[in-house]
Structure formats: C-alpha cells, structure tokens
Amino acid sequence: MIEAAGKTIEPRVTCDIFCHVIDNFGDAGVCWRLARGLSEEEGFQVTLYIDDAVTLSKISSGVPPELPASGASSSGILVRRWEDSETAVPSDVVIETFGCRLPDSFEEAIARETLRGHKVAWLNLEYLSAEDWVEECHGLPSPHPRLPVTKTFLFPGFTRRTGGVMIEHGLLDARDRFSASDRHSLLETLGAKKPDAPFNLFFFSYPTAPIGQLAEALASDPRPVQVIAAPGRAGEMLGEALSRLSAPQITFSPVPAVPQESFDRVLWACDALIIRGEDSFVRAQLAGKPFLWTIYPQDEDTHIVKLNAFLDRMAVEYEEDAARVWRETSLGWNQASLTPGLWSRFRDLTPELTHGSLLWSRHLASLGSLTRAVATAAKKGLK
C-alpha cells in the first residue's frame, strides 16, 4: 500500500493475458476486449501476450502488425510478443485464455514467484458455451500436475452459475440512444452505397458457409436489402455470387474494418446480422438484433450440439413461431440447407425477432459482466 496525503492507496493489480490466435478475430477480439475492460473498468495494469499481432492490429488502433521488442502500448495496455513471456516475471494475475497453454518457462516462473511469497492468481478463461456442464466447471480449481500451483477455470455463459459475457458500463443505454440520424451518418462514413436503405444485413462469416445458398435466398426475395459486408474472403465470395444473379433489389456494400470500440455501432445500424466467432457472437446478442451465428465447424458435428444448446437458451425470449423460424434458419445456415423459404420467413418475422433479441440482451445484462467476474476471481485468488 502507498500513503498519499493521509490516504491509503491500493497499488494497481498487474495482469498478464495470454492469447493464442486460432479463430482470427474471435480469439483476438475476446482477449482485447477483456484487456480493455480490466484496464478501463477494473483499474488493472494489463500486459497482453499474443502470437498474432497482425490480426490484433486490424481491430485495435495503436497496435502495429509487427511488435517491437519492447512491445507497444494502446488504450493503456502493453501488447507484447508471445515469446517475450519466456523470460518475463509473472504479474499478480495471469489469465490463460481458451486453454492456450502457457510456455513451460512461464509456468515455472509462476511457481517460483509463489514460493517466494508473491502470490499469483492463475486463471484459465474458457470458450463461451450454452451447454449445461459449464455451470458445474465454472470456478473449479485445477492443481498443476508437477508444480506447486493451481489455476482456476472460469466459464463465460448465459446463466447466473457462469461468468456471463462482457458488457461495458452503459452499453445498452448507448445502444438505445442510437438514432436514425446516427445510423445514416455511420453508414455514410463507412461508404455504404445507400445510407438510408430500408433494410441492412450485416455479413461477417466464414468462407465455408453456404454463401451461394444465401445469395440465392436474397435474390429470391423481392424486398430491397443492402448487404453491409465486413472485410474478408467470405464477403468477397458473397459479392461475387450476387453479381452473377439478376437481383436489382440487392445492394452490396463492402465496408472497411473498424476498431473494436466502433464495432457495436455498425451492428446497431443494421436490421439483421450474420456473424461468426465468439466476440462478434456476443456483440450481436447485445445489439438486440435478429441474427444468424456461423458457428465454427467441428468434426462429427459437435458444433451443432453447441448451437442447439444456445438456441434452446435464447429461444425462451421469442414467441413460438419466431423461435421455430429462428431455429430452422440457424440450423439451415450451419448445415448448408438454407432455402429461400427459410430466409423469407426469417425476414417476415424481423419485428418479432427484434423484440425477443432485445429481451435477451437485457437478460444478459442482468447477469453482470464477465469482466467483473474475472476481476473478482482474480482478487479472490490474491488473498
């Protein structure tokens, strides 16, 4: 503790976050959002170790694609190369994300610091899941097989027995204040061809998705739609597929990447969303918009089990017809069986789906933020 002007000031909690990028913006996005939240809302002094600064640089202004040996500071966070951790001294809190496995030398350094009396809170933040079993595993300790240290598993989720999802202070209020004028201004700034389009579909997916089926479905629906396409090969593929069809009611508007702190506003400016990856998945839910989640494909259709678990959770906020159509369209999109009829019914029910999505976002907010859950677990581990 530090004495200043007769007051006792607690020193800032230092924190290391480790990010191994597998799913591009999903992994980097979650870790960067967590780093920002712990720094800005919880007062932690954060260092982020990452093995793919190129991906991070695309969503965070101030982080160069090639990190110097000393690292780079952005938004009060020090970003360093993964290999720099091999000779580093652990901070008060160490967060291993998605079971990325820390370097052996760093694990040994945690043990050494612990033996010297510097207590280190070691947390493993896992992937988000709607499956029931995560409630039983959230908060469980895991002793190291050969070192005298223990890490604690934290699971994001959608119930009070999990860590929840990351929600910044005042986010839903800012969303609810987002006006038609804000929408026009943002779409114009992004370079959308029709800032006043009556229906905007945000598109951010994997190239493995049934993009041709989506193009056919959009072309079969006579109602006007503007596709706001995020950068990436999937967006390019959709643009190419649409250009081969005669569908004057469709406007294809590719837009540039935006910093993470601006991403929510892009979603708010749209009427329906097709998204991928964990961070975008959560932001779509908080946007309160109808959406289709492109879940990362896994062997033996394991991802469909996970998708159904989530659909079961969120469907309680929808009326029966809307829930059924949302489920059928979500499964059709993820099982390469998206038909024009499915898309047409999904769009028909946009008002009902929007209402249910807003209710779900408020449910998530009622759980509290994952950022606070992580900070609480970290401080508990330091006692």
Protein backbone atom coordinates (compact mmCIF):
# COMPACT_ATOMS: atom_id res chain seq x y z
CA MET A 1 0.00 0.00 0.00
CA ILE A 2 1.04 3.61 -0.63
CA GLU A 3 0.40 6.54 1.71
CA ALA A 4 -0.51 9.79 -0.07
CA ALA A 5 -1.93 12.91 1.59
CA GLY A 6 -3.04 10.87 4.57
CA LYS A 7 -4.88 8.34 2.38
CA THR A 8 -4.02 4.73 1.76
CA ILE A 9 -3.88 3.95 -1.96
CA GLU A 10 -4.00 0.36 -3.07
CA PRO A 11 -1.39 -0.41 -5.75
CA ARG A 12 -2.79 -1.35 -9.14
CA VAL A 13 -3.24 -5.04 -9.73
CA THR A 14 -0.93 -6.14 -12.53
CA CYS A 15 -2.23 -8.68 -15.01
CA ASP A 16 -0.87 -10.80 -17.87
CA ILE A 17 -3.28 -12.09 -20.53
CA PHE A 18 -2.14 -14.79 -22.97
CA CYS A 19 -3.76 -15.05 -26.40
CA HIS A 20 -3.06 -17.80 -28.94
CA VAL A 21 -4.92 -16.85 -32.12
CA ILE A 22 -6.74 -19.74 -33.81
CA ASP A 23 -10.04 -18.23 -34.97
CA ASN A 24 -8.63 -14.88 -36.04
CA PHE A 25 -10.87 -12.12 -34.74
CA GLY A 26 -12.70 -14.35 -32.26
CA ASP A 27 -9.69 -15.09 -30.06
CA ALA A 28 -8.00 -11.73 -30.51
CA GLY A 29 -11.31 -9.91 -30.10
CA VAL A 30 -12.21 -11.56 -26.80
CA CYS A 31 -8.72 -11.04 -25.37
CA TRP A 32 -8.53 -7.41 -26.45
CA ARG A 33 -12.00 -6.68 -25.05
CA LEU A 34 -11.05 -8.35 -21.77
CA ALA A 35 -7.79 -6.40 -21.61
CA ARG A 36 -9.62 -3.12 -22.23
CA GLY A 37 -12.30 -3.94 -19.68
CA LEU A 38 -9.87 -4.91 -16.93
CA SER A 39 -7.82 -1.77 -17.59
CA GLU A 40 -10.61 0.79 -18.03
CA GLU A 41 -13.27 -0.56 -15.68
CA GLU A 42 -11.34 -2.51 -13.04
CA GLY A 43 -8.12 -0.46 -12.91
CA PHE A 44 -5.78 -3.37 -13.68
CA GLN A 45 -2.40 -2.73 -15.29
CA VAL A 46 -2.55 -5.14 -18.23
CA THR A 47 0.06 -6.78 -20.44
CA LEU A 48 -1.26 -8.83 -23.38
CA TYR A 49 0.99 -11.53 -24.82
CA ILE A 50 -0.17 -12.54 -28.31
CA ASP A 51 1.21 -14.73 -31.08
CA ASP A 52 -0.54 -12.88 -33.93
CA ALA A 53 -0.24 -9.11 -33.69
CA VAL A 54 -1.29 -8.74 -37.33
CA THR A 55 -4.84 -9.87 -36.54
CA LEU A 56 -4.99 -7.71 -33.40
CA SER A 57 -3.78 -4.65 -35.31
CA LYS A 58 -6.86 -4.82 -37.55
CA ILE A 59 -9.26 -4.25 -34.65
CA SER A 60 -7.17 -2.09 -32.31
CA SER A 61 -5.83 1.30 -33.30
CA GLY A 62 -2.30 1.81 -31.99
CA VAL A 63 -1.14 -1.80 -32.17
CA PRO A 64 1.31 -2.32 -35.06
CA PRO A 65 1.27 -5.59 -37.01
CA GLU A 66 4.95 -6.09 -36.16
CA LEU A 67 5.57 -5.61 -32.46
CA PRO A 68 8.91 -4.13 -31.37
CA ALA A 69 10.97 -5.94 -28.73
CA SER A 70 9.73 -3.52 -26.09
CA GLY A 71 6.09 -4.07 -27.04
CA ALA A 72 3.50 -1.44 -27.97
CA SER A 73 1.07 0.49 -25.80
CA SER A 74 -2.53 1.09 -26.84
CA SER A 75 -5.52 2.10 -24.72
CA GLY A 76 -3.29 1.81 -21.64
CA ILE A 77 -2.43 -1.83 -22.43
CA LEU A 78 1.07 -3.11 -23.15
CA VAL A 79 1.00 -5.58 -26.03
CA ARG A 80 3.97 -7.93 -26.29
CA ARG A 81 5.07 -10.84 -28.43
CA TRP A 82 4.24 -14.30 -27.12
CA GLU A 83 7.89 -15.33 -26.94
CA ASP A 84 8.70 -12.34 -24.71
CA SER A 85 6.88 -14.11 -21.89
CA GLU A 86 9.51 -16.86 -21.76
CA THR A 87 11.86 -14.58 -19.81
CA ALA A 88 9.25 -12.40 -18.07
CA VAL A 89 8.33 -12.21 -14.39
CA PRO A 90 4.63 -13.05 -13.88
CA SER A 91 2.24 -10.29 -12.82
CA ASP A 92 -0.17 -10.53 -9.88
CA VAL A 93 -2.79 -12.12 -12.16
CA VAL A 94 -2.17 -14.45 -15.08
CA ILE A 95 -5.05 -15.21 -17.46
CA GLU A 96 -4.63 -18.11 -19.85
CA THR A 97 -7.37 -17.84 -22.48
CA PHE A 98 -9.08 -20.77 -24.17
CA GLY A 99 -6.65 -23.35 -22.78
CA CYS A 100 -3.84 -21.86 -24.87
CA ARG A 101 -1.21 -23.41 -22.56
CA LEU A 102 1.47 -21.09 -21.21
CA PRO A 103 5.16 -21.58 -22.04
CA ASP A 104 6.79 -24.05 -19.63
CA SER A 105 9.26 -21.40 -18.52
CA PHE A 106 6.42 -19.05 -17.57
CA GLU A 107 4.58 -21.74 -15.62
CA GLU A 108 7.81 -22.44 -13.73
CA ALA A 109 8.18 -18.71 -13.08
CA ILE A 110 4.68 -18.65 -11.54
CA ALA A 111 5.75 -21.47 -9.19
CA ARG A 112 8.97 -19.64 -8.26
CA GLU A 113 7.11 -16.42 -7.51
CA THR A 114 4.62 -18.34 -5.39
CA LEU A 115 7.38 -19.98 -3.36
CA ARG A 116 8.98 -16.56 -2.82
CA GLY A 117 5.78 -15.24 -1.30
CA HIS A 118 4.45 -13.36 -4.35
CA LYS A 119 1.02 -14.86 -4.70
CA VAL A 120 -0.07 -15.20 -8.32
CA ALA A 121 -3.75 -15.69 -9.25
CA TRP A 122 -3.72 -18.00 -12.28
CA LEU A 123 -6.99 -18.16 -14.20
CA ASN A 124 -8.00 -20.07 -17.32
CA LEU A 125 -10.79 -18.31 -19.22
CA GLU A 126 -12.53 -20.86 -21.42
CA TYR A 127 -14.69 -20.60 -24.52
CA LEU A 128 -18.28 -19.42 -24.24
CA SER A 129 -20.82 -22.23 -24.19
CA ALA A 130 -24.53 -22.63 -23.51
CA GLU A 131 -24.19 -26.28 -22.52
CA ASP A 132 -25.29 -27.28 -19.02
CA TRP A 133 -21.95 -28.77 -17.96
CA VAL A 134 -20.17 -25.40 -17.88
CA GLU A 135 -22.13 -24.44 -14.76
CA GLU A 136 -20.51 -27.32 -12.87
CA CYS A 137 -17.00 -26.41 -14.07
CA HIS A 138 -17.11 -22.64 -13.58
CA GLY A 139 -14.78 -21.67 -10.74
CA LEU A 140 -13.19 -25.10 -10.30
CA PRO A 141 -9.52 -25.26 -9.25
CA SER A 142 -7.03 -27.34 -11.23
CA PRO A 143 -3.75 -28.25 -9.47
CA HIS A 144 -0.71 -28.34 -11.74
CA PRO A 145 0.49 -31.92 -12.37
CA ARG A 146 4.11 -31.19 -11.39
CA LEU A 147 4.34 -27.67 -9.92
CA PRO A 148 3.02 -26.40 -6.55
CA VAL A 149 0.48 -24.05 -8.14
CA THR A 150 -3.22 -24.16 -9.00
CA LYS A 151 -5.21 -22.42 -11.70
CA THR A 152 -8.93 -21.69 -11.62
CA PHE A 153 -11.23 -22.34 -14.57
CA LEU A 154 -13.72 -19.63 -15.49
CA PHE A 155 -16.51 -20.19 -18.00
CA PRO A 156 -18.47 -17.44 -19.73
CA GLY A 157 -22.11 -18.32 -20.16
CA PHE A 158 -25.75 -17.35 -20.15
CA THR A 159 -26.83 -18.23 -16.60
CA ARG A 160 -26.11 -16.98 -13.09
CA ARG A 161 -23.96 -20.03 -12.40
CA THR A 162 -21.45 -18.94 -15.06
CA GLY A 163 -19.32 -15.83 -15.60
CA GLY A 164 -21.76 -14.19 -18.04
CA VAL A 165 -20.48 -12.23 -21.04
CA MET A 166 -18.51 -9.00 -21.35
CA ILE A 167 -20.79 -5.96 -21.22
CA GLU A 168 -19.29 -2.50 -20.82
CA HIS A 169 -20.82 0.03 -18.45
CA GLY A 170 -23.61 1.95 -20.17
CA LEU A 171 -23.55 -0.14 -23.37
CA LEU A 172 -27.28 -0.86 -23.61
CA ASP A 173 -28.15 2.75 -22.79
CA ALA A 174 -25.87 3.93 -25.61
CA ARG A 175 -27.48 1.41 -27.94
CA ASP A 176 -30.97 2.61 -27.08
CA ARG A 177 -29.92 6.22 -27.78
CA PHE A 178 -28.59 5.31 -31.25
CA SER A 179 -30.89 7.22 -33.62
CA ALA A 180 -31.91 7.08 -37.27
CA SER A 181 -29.65 10.09 -37.83
CA ASP A 182 -26.75 8.23 -36.19
CA ARG A 183 -27.46 5.28 -38.44
CA HIS A 184 -27.40 7.38 -41.60
CA SER A 185 -24.21 9.16 -40.56
CA LEU A 186 -22.39 5.95 -39.70
CA LEU A 187 -23.39 4.12 -42.89
CA GLU A 188 -22.35 7.14 -44.93
CA THR A 189 -18.99 7.26 -43.17
CA LEU A 190 -18.46 3.55 -43.83
CA GLY A 191 -19.07 4.11 -47.52
CA ALA A 192 -22.37 2.22 -47.76
CA LYS A 193 -23.99 2.87 -51.11
CA LYS A 194 -27.41 3.57 -49.58
CA PRO A 195 -27.18 5.17 -46.12
CA ASP A 196 -30.98 5.29 -45.99
CA ALA A 197 -31.64 1.73 -47.17
CA PRO A 198 -34.83 0.35 -45.58
CA PHE A 199 -33.17 -2.95 -44.59
CA ASN A 200 -29.48 -3.57 -43.89
CA LEU A 201 -28.00 -7.04 -43.43
CA PHE A 202 -24.57 -7.17 -41.78
CA PHE A 203 -22.46 -10.04 -43.12
CA PHE A 204 -19.36 -11.44 -41.40
CA SER A 205 -18.87 -15.17 -41.87
CA TYR A 206 -16.51 -18.00 -42.81
CA PRO A 207 -15.80 -18.95 -46.44
CA THR A 208 -17.01 -22.47 -45.60
CA ALA A 209 -20.58 -21.22 -45.02
CA PRO A 210 -23.22 -21.87 -47.74
CA ILE A 211 -22.68 -18.46 -49.30
CA GLY A 212 -24.17 -19.46 -52.65
CA GLN A 213 -27.38 -20.52 -50.90
CA LEU A 214 -27.56 -17.17 -49.12
CA ALA A 215 -27.11 -15.29 -52.39
CA GLU A 216 -29.92 -17.32 -53.98
CA ALA A 217 -32.17 -16.71 -50.97
CA LEU A 218 -31.57 -12.96 -51.03
CA ALA A 219 -32.16 -12.83 -54.78
CA SER A 220 -35.41 -14.79 -54.47
CA ASP A 221 -36.86 -12.27 -52.01
CA PRO A 222 -38.24 -9.20 -53.87
CA ARG A 223 -37.81 -6.90 -50.87
CA PRO A 224 -34.86 -4.48 -51.01
CA VAL A 225 -31.82 -5.31 -48.89
CA GLN A 226 -28.40 -3.75 -48.52
CA VAL A 227 -25.65 -6.16 -47.55
CA ILE A 228 -23.08 -4.49 -45.30
CA ALA A 229 -20.15 -6.85 -45.86
CA ALA A 230 -17.22 -6.94 -43.47
CA PRO A 231 -13.74 -7.42 -44.96
CA GLY A 232 -12.65 -10.99 -45.69
CA ARG A 233 -12.89 -13.76 -48.20
CA ALA A 234 -16.46 -14.70 -47.24
CA GLY A 235 -17.69 -11.19 -48.04
CA GLU A 236 -15.86 -11.26 -51.35
CA MET A 237 -17.48 -14.60 -52.18
CA LEU A 238 -20.95 -13.25 -51.40
CA GLY A 239 -20.33 -10.21 -53.61
CA GLU A 240 -19.18 -12.46 -56.45
CA ALA A 241 -22.21 -14.74 -56.06
CA LEU A 242 -24.65 -11.83 -56.05
CA SER A 243 -23.03 -10.28 -59.13
CA ARG A 244 -23.89 -13.42 -61.08
CA LEU A 245 -27.58 -13.10 -60.22
CA SER A 246 -30.14 -10.70 -61.58
CA ALA A 247 -31.34 -9.09 -58.37
CA PRO A 248 -31.65 -5.29 -58.62
CA GLN A 249 -33.27 -5.15 -55.16
CA ILE A 250 -29.92 -6.11 -53.58
CA THR A 251 -27.25 -3.50 -52.88
CA PHE A 252 -23.86 -4.94 -51.98
CA SER A 253 -21.77 -2.57 -49.84
CA PRO A 254 -18.40 -3.82 -48.64
CA VAL A 255 -17.15 -1.75 -45.70
CA PRO A 256 -13.72 -1.41 -44.08
CA ALA A 257 -12.67 -2.93 -40.78
CA VAL A 258 -13.34 -0.73 -37.78
CA PRO A 259 -11.65 -0.59 -34.36
CA GLN A 260 -13.29 -2.84 -31.80
CA GLU A 261 -14.74 0.09 -29.88
CA SER A 262 -16.71 1.11 -33.02
CA PHE A 263 -17.97 -2.35 -33.95
CA ASP A 264 -21.15 -2.20 -31.85
CA ARG A 265 -22.36 0.88 -33.72
CA VAL A 266 -22.01 -0.94 -37.04
CA LEU A 267 -24.27 -3.69 -35.72
CA TRP A 268 -26.75 -1.16 -34.33
CA ALA A 269 -27.01 0.40 -37.79
CA CYS A 270 -28.24 -2.86 -39.32
CA ASP A 271 -31.58 -4.66 -39.17
CA ALA A 272 -30.31 -8.26 -39.16
CA LEU A 273 -26.89 -9.80 -38.69
CA ILE A 274 -24.91 -12.80 -39.87
CA ILE A 275 -21.86 -13.11 -37.65
CA ARG A 276 -19.08 -15.52 -36.70
CA GLY A 277 -16.58 -16.02 -33.88
CA GLU A 278 -17.06 -15.57 -30.15
CA ASP A 279 -16.64 -11.82 -29.80
CA SER A 280 -18.95 -10.93 -32.69
CA PHE A 281 -21.41 -13.57 -31.47
CA VAL A 282 -21.71 -11.84 -28.11
CA ARG A 283 -21.89 -8.36 -29.62
CA ALA A 284 -24.73 -9.47 -31.89
CA GLN A 285 -26.68 -10.59 -28.84
CA LEU A 286 -26.06 -7.30 -27.08
CA ALA A 287 -27.10 -5.38 -30.21
CA GLY A 288 -30.65 -6.70 -29.79
CA LYS A 289 -30.96 -7.60 -33.48
CA PRO A 290 -32.13 -10.79 -35.22
CA PHE A 291 -29.01 -12.76 -36.13
CA LEU A 292 -27.65 -15.99 -37.53
CA TRP A 293 -24.50 -17.28 -35.87
CA THR A 294 -21.97 -19.01 -38.12
CA ILE A 295 -20.56 -21.40 -35.56
CA TYR A 296 -17.01 -22.64 -36.10
CA PRO A 297 -17.32 -26.08 -37.76
CA GLN A 298 -16.03 -29.11 -35.82
CA ASP A 299 -15.65 -32.81 -36.52
CA GLU A 300 -18.64 -35.13 -36.01
CA ASP A 301 -20.99 -32.11 -35.96
CA THR A 302 -20.01 -31.25 -32.40
CA HIS A 303 -20.65 -27.61 -33.26
CA ILE A 304 -24.31 -28.39 -34.00
CA VAL A 305 -24.73 -29.73 -30.45
CA LYS A 306 -23.31 -26.46 -29.15
CA LEU A 307 -25.51 -24.45 -31.49
CA ASN A 308 -28.66 -26.26 -30.35
CA ALA A 309 -27.73 -25.67 -26.72
CA PHE A 310 -27.56 -21.94 -27.39
CA LEU A 311 -30.76 -21.92 -29.44
CA ASP A 312 -32.52 -23.60 -26.51
CA ARG A 313 -31.31 -20.88 -24.14
CA MET A 314 -32.23 -17.86 -26.20
CA ALA A 315 -35.45 -19.19 -27.74
CA VAL A 316 -37.28 -18.67 -24.43
CA GLU A 317 -37.40 -14.94 -25.24
CA TYR A 318 -39.16 -15.49 -28.59
CA GLU A 319 -42.79 -16.21 -29.31
CA GLU A 320 -43.38 -19.75 -30.55
CA ASP A 321 -43.47 -19.01 -34.28
CA ALA A 322 -40.43 -16.72 -34.16
CA ALA A 323 -38.48 -19.27 -32.11
CA ARG A 324 -39.25 -22.04 -34.58
CA VAL A 325 -38.27 -20.00 -37.64
CA TRP A 326 -35.09 -18.70 -35.98
CA ARG A 327 -34.03 -22.24 -35.08
CA GLU A 328 -34.79 -23.63 -38.54
CA THR A 329 -32.94 -20.80 -40.28
CA SER A 330 -29.96 -21.04 -37.91
CA LEU A 331 -29.65 -24.78 -38.48
CA GLY A 332 -30.18 -24.36 -42.22
CA TRP A 333 -27.38 -21.80 -42.39
CA ASN A 334 -24.99 -24.01 -40.40
CA GLN A 335 -25.91 -27.25 -42.17
CA ALA A 336 -25.79 -25.95 -45.74
CA SER A 337 -29.55 -26.24 -46.18
CA LEU A 338 -30.58 -22.59 -46.26
CA THR A 339 -33.56 -22.20 -48.60
CA PRO A 340 -35.26 -19.07 -49.98
CA GLY A 341 -38.31 -20.02 -47.94
CA LEU A 342 -36.33 -20.07 -44.70
CA TRP A 343 -34.81 -16.67 -45.37
CA SER A 344 -38.17 -15.20 -46.41
CA ARG A 345 -39.84 -16.33 -43.17
CA PHE A 346 -36.87 -15.11 -41.12
CA ARG A 347 -37.22 -11.67 -42.68
CA ASP A 348 -41.00 -11.70 -42.29
CA LEU A 349 -40.54 -12.07 -38.56
CA THR A 350 -37.90 -9.36 -38.14
CA PRO A 351 -40.09 -7.27 -35.75
CA GLU A 352 -40.87 -10.28 -33.52
CA LEU A 353 -37.25 -11.46 -33.60
CA THR A 354 -36.03 -7.97 -32.74
CA HIS A 355 -38.35 -7.83 -29.73
CA GLY A 356 -37.11 -11.17 -28.42
CA SER A 357 -33.48 -10.23 -29.07
CA LEU A 358 -33.86 -7.07 -27.01
CA LEU A 359 -35.33 -9.09 -24.13
CA TRP A 360 -32.38 -11.49 -24.34
CA SER A 361 -29.85 -8.64 -24.23
CA ARG A 362 -31.44 -7.38 -21.03
CA HIS A 363 -31.24 -10.87 -19.56
CA LEU A 364 -27.51 -10.93 -20.31
CA ALA A 365 -27.07 -7.53 -18.69
CA SER A 366 -28.86 -8.78 -15.57
CA LEU A 367 -26.15 -11.42 -15.08
CA GLY A 368 -23.40 -8.84 -14.68
CA SER A 369 -20.31 -8.54 -16.84
CA LEU A 370 -17.75 -11.28 -17.36
CA THR A 371 -15.07 -8.61 -16.88
CA ARG A 372 -16.22 -8.07 -13.30
CA ALA A 373 -16.43 -11.85 -12.74
CA VAL A 374 -12.82 -12.24 -13.89
CA ALA A 375 -11.65 -9.35 -11.72
CA THR A 376 -13.48 -10.76 -8.70
CA ALA A 377 -11.95 -14.21 -9.19
CA ALA A 378 -8.51 -12.64 -9.60
CA LYS A 379 -8.74 -10.63 -6.39
CA LYS A 380 -10.04 -13.68 -4.55
CA GLY A 381 -7.00 -15.63 -5.77
CA LEU A 382 -4.67 -12.96 -4.43
CA LYS A 383 -5.99 -13.13 -0.87
